[in-house]
């Protein structure tokens, strides 16, 4: 159970940068939107 298949590992390493890029893009977009910054922002 502790062994990870190469395919799974490859998918994970390909997916992580996408998550980081998405979070960075959302953060950048939110910071550029005045209406997104404030008490209503999550």
C-alpha atoms as a PDB file:
ATOM      1  CA  UNK A   1       0.000   0.000   0.000  1.00  0.00           C
ATOM      2  CA  UNK A   2       2.946   2.308   0.630  1.00  0.00           C
ATOM      3  CA  UNK A   3       4.299   1.781  -2.891  1.00  0.00           C
ATOM      4  CA  UNK A   4       3.277   4.460  -5.383  1.00  0.00           C
ATOM      5  CA  UNK A   5       2.930   3.584  -9.045  1.00  0.00           C
ATOM      6  CA  UNK A   6       5.110   5.689 -11.412  1.00  0.00           C
ATOM      7  CA  UNK A   7       1.969   6.770 -13.254  1.00  0.00           C
ATOM      8  CA  UNK A   8       0.415   8.110 -10.051  1.00  0.00           C
ATOM      9  CA  UNK A   9       3.629   9.872  -9.081  1.00  0.00           C
ATOM     10  CA  UNK A  10       3.898  11.449 -12.517  1.00  0.00           C
ATOM     11  CA  UNK A  11       0.286  12.620 -12.397  1.00  0.00           C
ATOM     12  CA  UNK A  12       0.873  14.115  -8.950  1.00  0.00           C
ATOM     13  CA  UNK A  13       3.968  16.033 -10.056  1.00  0.00           C
ATOM     14  CA  UNK A  14       2.113  17.259 -13.147  1.00  0.00           C
ATOM     15  CA  UNK A  15      -0.888  18.299 -11.052  1.00  0.00           C
ATOM     16  CA  UNK A  16       0.943  20.159  -8.269  1.00  0.00           C
ATOM     17  CA  UNK A  17       2.307  22.985 -10.483  1.00  0.00           C
ATOM     18  CA  UNK A  18      -1.185  23.440 -11.888  1.00  0.00           C
ATOM     19  CA  UNK A  19      -2.605  23.898  -8.388  1.00  0.00           C
ATOM     20  CA  UNK A  20       0.129  26.363  -7.474  1.00  0.00           C
ATOM     21  CA  UNK A  21      -0.329  28.306 -10.706  1.00  0.00           C
ATOM     22  CA  UNK A  22      -4.093  28.373 -10.241  1.00  0.00           C
ATOM     23  CA  UNK A  23      -3.819  29.647  -6.669  1.00  0.00           C
ATOM     24  CA  UNK A  24      -1.299  32.281  -7.744  1.00  0.00           C
ATOM     25  CA  UNK A  25      -3.519  33.377 -10.629  1.00  0.00           C
ATOM     26  CA  UNK A  26      -6.586  33.625  -8.387  1.00  0.00           C
ATOM     27  CA  UNK A  27      -4.619  35.601  -5.797  1.00  0.00           C
ATOM     28  CA  UNK A  28      -3.286  37.965  -8.461  1.00  0.00           C
ATOM     29  CA  UNK A  29      -6.737  38.389 -10.013  1.00  0.00           C
ATOM     30  CA  UNK A  30      -8.346  38.999  -6.628  1.00  0.00           C
ATOM     31  CA  UNK A  31      -5.732  41.609  -5.730  1.00  0.00           C
ATOM     32  CA  UNK A  32      -6.457  43.480  -8.957  1.00  0.00           C
ATOM     33  CA  UNK A  33     -10.215  43.496  -8.346  1.00  0.00           C
ATOM     34  CA  UNK A  34     -11.188  46.280  -5.879  1.00  0.00           C
ATOM     35  CA  UNK A  35     -14.628  44.714  -5.321  1.00  0.00           C
ATOM     36  CA  UNK A  36     -12.999  41.377  -4.461  1.00  0.00           C
ATOM     37  CA  UNK A  37     -10.954  42.907  -1.639  1.00  0.00           C
ATOM     38  CA  UNK A  38     -12.880  43.440   1.559  1.00  0.00           C
ATOM     39  CA  UNK A  39     -15.046  41.737   4.187  1.00  0.00           C
ATOM     40  CA  UNK A  40     -16.982  39.848   1.480  1.00  0.00           C
ATOM     41  CA  UNK A  41     -13.800  38.172   0.179  1.00  0.00           C
ATOM     42  CA  UNK A  42     -13.245  34.631   1.377  1.00  0.00           C
END
